[in-house]
Structure formats: C-alpha cells, structure tokens
Amino acid sequence: MKNYQKRVVEEKKELDKKISDLKGFLLSDDLRERVLLSEISRLTKQFNLMMGYSEILELRIERFDFEDVA
C-alpha cells in the first residue's frame, strides 16, 4: 500500500471514531437538558457531513487495489 493510501485509511479510521463519539453524544438521554436546540441542529448537520465524508473515503479505499494495477 502506498503512503498516501495509508494516510487515507488512517484518516477514515480517525473520522469514524469521531463519528461514533458524536453519535453517542447526540443519542444521550440528557442531551436536550445540556445543549441548546440550535446547537443540537448544528451538531446533527456536522454528523451528517462527517458521514458523507467517511463514505467518500470508503469509496476511495475500495479502489486502491485497482489503482495499484493501473
């Protein structure tokens, strides 16, 4: 695996951990008691964008084997 490919894999791993942590926070029982609704909305948008970015990284990773052949 090339160096840039290793970096992409590591980036996705780190991003997925952050997504998991944010999801846990957003699903916490007392979230509405601790955070303003407007901030929850922003965090939800952030979560959705992070998920999209993770999906793109996954698509790139899936193509790595084909890139090495070309």
N, C-alpha and C. Protein backbone atom coordinates (compact mmCIF):
# COMPACT_ATOMS: atom_id res chain seq x y z
N MET A 1 0.85 -1.18 0.00
CA MET A 1 0.00 0.00 0.00
C MET A 1 0.90 1.25 0.00
N LYS A 2 0.54 2.21 -0.82
CA LYS A 2 1.31 3.43 -0.94
C LYS A 2 1.09 4.32 0.28
N ASN A 3 2.03 5.24 0.52
CA ASN A 3 1.95 6.10 1.70
C ASN A 3 0.66 6.91 1.74
N TYR A 4 0.26 7.50 0.61
CA TYR A 4 -0.95 8.31 0.63
C TYR A 4 -2.18 7.44 0.93
N GLN A 5 -2.15 6.18 0.48
CA GLN A 5 -3.25 5.27 0.76
C GLN A 5 -3.32 4.95 2.25
N LYS A 6 -2.18 4.76 2.86
CA LYS A 6 -2.14 4.52 4.31
C LYS A 6 -2.70 5.72 5.06
N ARG A 7 -2.39 6.91 4.58
CA ARG A 7 -2.90 8.12 5.23
C ARG A 7 -4.42 8.21 5.11
N VAL A 8 -4.95 7.84 3.95
CA VAL A 8 -6.41 7.87 3.76
C VAL A 8 -7.07 6.86 4.69
N VAL A 9 -6.51 5.67 4.79
CA VAL A 9 -7.07 4.64 5.68
C VAL A 9 -7.04 5.13 7.12
N GLU A 10 -5.95 5.73 7.54
CA GLU A 10 -5.83 6.24 8.92
C GLU A 10 -6.81 7.39 9.14
N GLU A 11 -6.95 8.26 8.16
CA GLU A 11 -7.89 9.37 8.27
C GLU A 11 -9.31 8.86 8.45
N LYS A 12 -9.69 7.83 7.67
CA LYS A 12 -11.04 7.28 7.80
C LYS A 12 -11.24 6.64 9.17
N LYS A 13 -10.23 5.95 9.65
CA LYS A 13 -10.31 5.33 10.97
C LYS A 13 -10.55 6.39 12.05
N GLU A 14 -9.79 7.47 11.99
CA GLU A 14 -9.93 8.54 12.97
C GLU A 14 -11.29 9.23 12.84
N LEU A 15 -11.71 9.46 11.60
CA LEU A 15 -13.00 10.09 11.36
C LEU A 15 -14.14 9.22 11.89
N ASP A 16 -14.07 7.92 11.63
CA ASP A 16 -15.12 7.02 12.10
C ASP A 16 -15.21 6.98 13.62
N LYS A 17 -14.09 7.13 14.29
CA LYS A 17 -14.10 7.20 15.77
C LYS A 17 -14.81 8.48 16.21
N LYS A 18 -14.52 9.58 15.56
CA LYS A 18 -15.18 10.85 15.89
C LYS A 18 -16.68 10.77 15.61
N ILE A 19 -17.04 10.11 14.51
CA ILE A 19 -18.46 9.93 14.18
C ILE A 19 -19.15 9.12 15.27
N SER A 20 -18.51 8.06 15.70
CA SER A 20 -19.08 7.21 16.74
C SER A 20 -19.26 7.99 18.05
N ASP A 21 -18.26 8.77 18.41
CA ASP A 21 -18.36 9.58 19.63
C ASP A 21 -19.47 10.61 19.53
N LEU A 22 -19.57 11.28 18.39
CA LEU A 22 -20.61 12.30 18.21
C LEU A 22 -21.99 11.66 18.21
N LYS A 23 -22.11 10.50 17.59
CA LYS A 23 -23.40 9.80 17.58
C LYS A 23 -23.82 9.45 19.00
N GLY A 24 -22.88 8.95 19.79
CA GLY A 24 -23.19 8.63 21.17
C GLY A 24 -23.65 9.86 21.94
N PHE A 25 -22.98 10.98 21.70
CA PHE A 25 -23.37 12.23 22.36
C PHE A 25 -24.76 12.66 21.93
N LEU A 26 -25.03 12.61 20.63
CA LEU A 26 -26.34 13.03 20.12
C LEU A 26 -27.47 12.13 20.62
N LEU A 27 -27.15 10.89 20.90
CA LEU A 27 -28.18 9.95 21.38
C LEU A 27 -28.28 9.89 22.90
N SER A 28 -27.49 10.69 23.59
CA SER A 28 -27.51 10.65 25.06
C SER A 28 -28.87 11.14 25.58
N ASP A 29 -29.30 10.53 26.66
CA ASP A 29 -30.63 10.80 27.21
C ASP A 29 -30.83 12.24 27.65
N ASP A 30 -29.81 12.87 28.18
CA ASP A 30 -29.97 14.21 28.73
C ASP A 30 -29.43 15.31 27.82
N LEU A 31 -29.30 15.02 26.55
CA LEU A 31 -28.72 15.99 25.62
C LEU A 31 -29.49 17.30 25.62
N ARG A 32 -30.81 17.23 25.55
CA ARG A 32 -31.63 18.46 25.47
C ARG A 32 -31.54 19.28 26.76
N GLU A 33 -31.18 18.66 27.84
CA GLU A 33 -31.01 19.39 29.10
C GLU A 33 -29.67 20.10 29.15
N ARG A 34 -28.68 19.61 28.39
CA ARG A 34 -27.33 20.15 28.45
C ARG A 34 -26.97 21.07 27.30
N VAL A 35 -27.67 20.94 26.17
CA VAL A 35 -27.28 21.66 24.96
C VAL A 35 -28.50 22.35 24.35
N LEU A 36 -28.30 23.58 23.87
CA LEU A 36 -29.38 24.30 23.21
C LEU A 36 -29.81 23.57 21.94
N LEU A 37 -31.08 23.71 21.60
CA LEU A 37 -31.62 23.07 20.41
C LEU A 37 -30.89 23.53 19.15
N SER A 38 -30.53 24.80 19.09
CA SER A 38 -29.81 25.31 17.91
C SER A 38 -28.45 24.64 17.77
N GLU A 39 -27.80 24.34 18.89
CA GLU A 39 -26.50 23.65 18.83
C GLU A 39 -26.68 22.19 18.44
N ILE A 40 -27.75 21.58 18.90
CA ILE A 40 -28.05 20.20 18.51
C ILE A 40 -28.25 20.13 17.00
N SER A 41 -28.91 21.13 16.45
CA SER A 41 -29.12 21.18 15.00
C SER A 41 -27.79 21.27 14.26
N ARG A 42 -26.89 22.11 14.74
CA ARG A 42 -25.57 22.24 14.11
C ARG A 42 -24.77 20.95 14.24
N LEU A 43 -24.83 20.33 15.39
CA LEU A 43 -24.12 19.07 15.60
C LEU A 43 -24.67 17.96 14.70
N THR A 44 -25.97 17.96 14.49
CA THR A 44 -26.59 16.97 13.62
C THR A 44 -26.13 17.19 12.17
N LYS A 45 -26.06 18.44 11.74
CA LYS A 45 -25.55 18.74 10.40
C LYS A 45 -24.09 18.30 10.28
N GLN A 46 -23.32 18.57 11.32
CA GLN A 46 -21.91 18.16 11.33
C GLN A 46 -21.81 16.64 11.21
N PHE A 47 -22.63 15.92 11.96
CA PHE A 47 -22.65 14.46 11.91
C PHE A 47 -22.93 13.97 10.50
N ASN A 48 -23.94 14.55 9.86
CA ASN A 48 -24.31 14.12 8.51
C ASN A 48 -23.19 14.39 7.50
N LEU A 49 -22.53 15.52 7.62
CA LEU A 49 -21.42 15.82 6.73
C LEU A 49 -20.24 14.88 6.97
N MET A 50 -19.98 14.58 8.21
CA MET A 50 -18.90 13.65 8.54
C MET A 50 -19.20 12.27 7.97
N MET A 51 -20.45 11.83 8.04
CA MET A 51 -20.84 10.54 7.48
C MET A 51 -20.61 10.53 5.97
N GLY A 52 -20.97 11.62 5.30
CA GLY A 52 -20.75 11.71 3.86
C GLY A 52 -19.28 11.65 3.51
N TYR A 53 -18.47 12.33 4.27
CA TYR A 53 -17.02 12.32 4.05
C TYR A 53 -16.46 10.92 4.25
N SER A 54 -16.93 10.24 5.28
CA SER A 54 -16.49 8.87 5.55
C SER A 54 -16.86 7.94 4.39
N GLU A 55 -18.05 8.13 3.84
CA GLU A 55 -18.48 7.31 2.71
C GLU A 55 -17.57 7.53 1.50
N ILE A 56 -17.19 8.78 1.26
CA ILE A 56 -16.30 9.08 0.14
C ILE A 56 -14.93 8.44 0.36
N LEU A 57 -14.42 8.53 1.58
CA LEU A 57 -13.14 7.89 1.87
C LEU A 57 -13.22 6.38 1.65
N GLU A 58 -14.34 5.78 2.04
CA GLU A 58 -14.53 4.34 1.84
C GLU A 58 -14.50 3.99 0.35
N LEU A 59 -15.15 4.80 -0.47
CA LEU A 59 -15.14 4.56 -1.91
C LEU A 59 -13.72 4.66 -2.46
N ARG A 60 -12.95 5.60 -1.98
CA ARG A 60 -11.56 5.74 -2.42
C ARG A 60 -10.75 4.52 -2.02
N ILE A 61 -10.94 4.08 -0.78
CA ILE A 61 -10.19 2.92 -0.27
C ILE A 61 -10.51 1.67 -1.08
N GLU A 62 -11.77 1.51 -1.44
CA GLU A 62 -12.18 0.34 -2.24
C GLU A 62 -11.46 0.29 -3.58
N ARG A 63 -11.06 1.44 -4.11
CA ARG A 63 -10.41 1.50 -5.42
C ARG A 63 -8.90 1.34 -5.35
N PHE A 64 -8.31 1.31 -4.17
CA PHE A 64 -6.87 1.26 -4.05
C PHE A 64 -6.25 0.06 -4.77
N ASP A 65 -6.85 -1.10 -4.65
CA ASP A 65 -6.29 -2.29 -5.32
C ASP A 65 -6.27 -2.12 -6.84
N PHE A 66 -7.29 -1.46 -7.37
CA PHE A 66 -7.35 -1.25 -8.82
C PHE A 66 -6.33 -0.21 -9.27
N GLU A 67 -6.06 0.79 -8.44
CA GLU A 67 -5.09 1.81 -8.78
C GLU A 67 -3.67 1.25 -8.84
N ASP A 68 -3.38 0.30 -7.97
CA ASP A 68 -2.05 -0.30 -7.97
C ASP A 68 -1.77 -1.09 -9.25
N VAL A 69 -2.83 -1.61 -9.87
CA VAL A 69 -2.68 -2.39 -11.10
C VAL A 69 -2.45 -1.48 -12.30
N ALA A 70 -3.12 -0.33 -12.29
CA ALA A 70 -3.05 0.59 -13.44
C ALA A 70 -1.70 1.26 -13.57
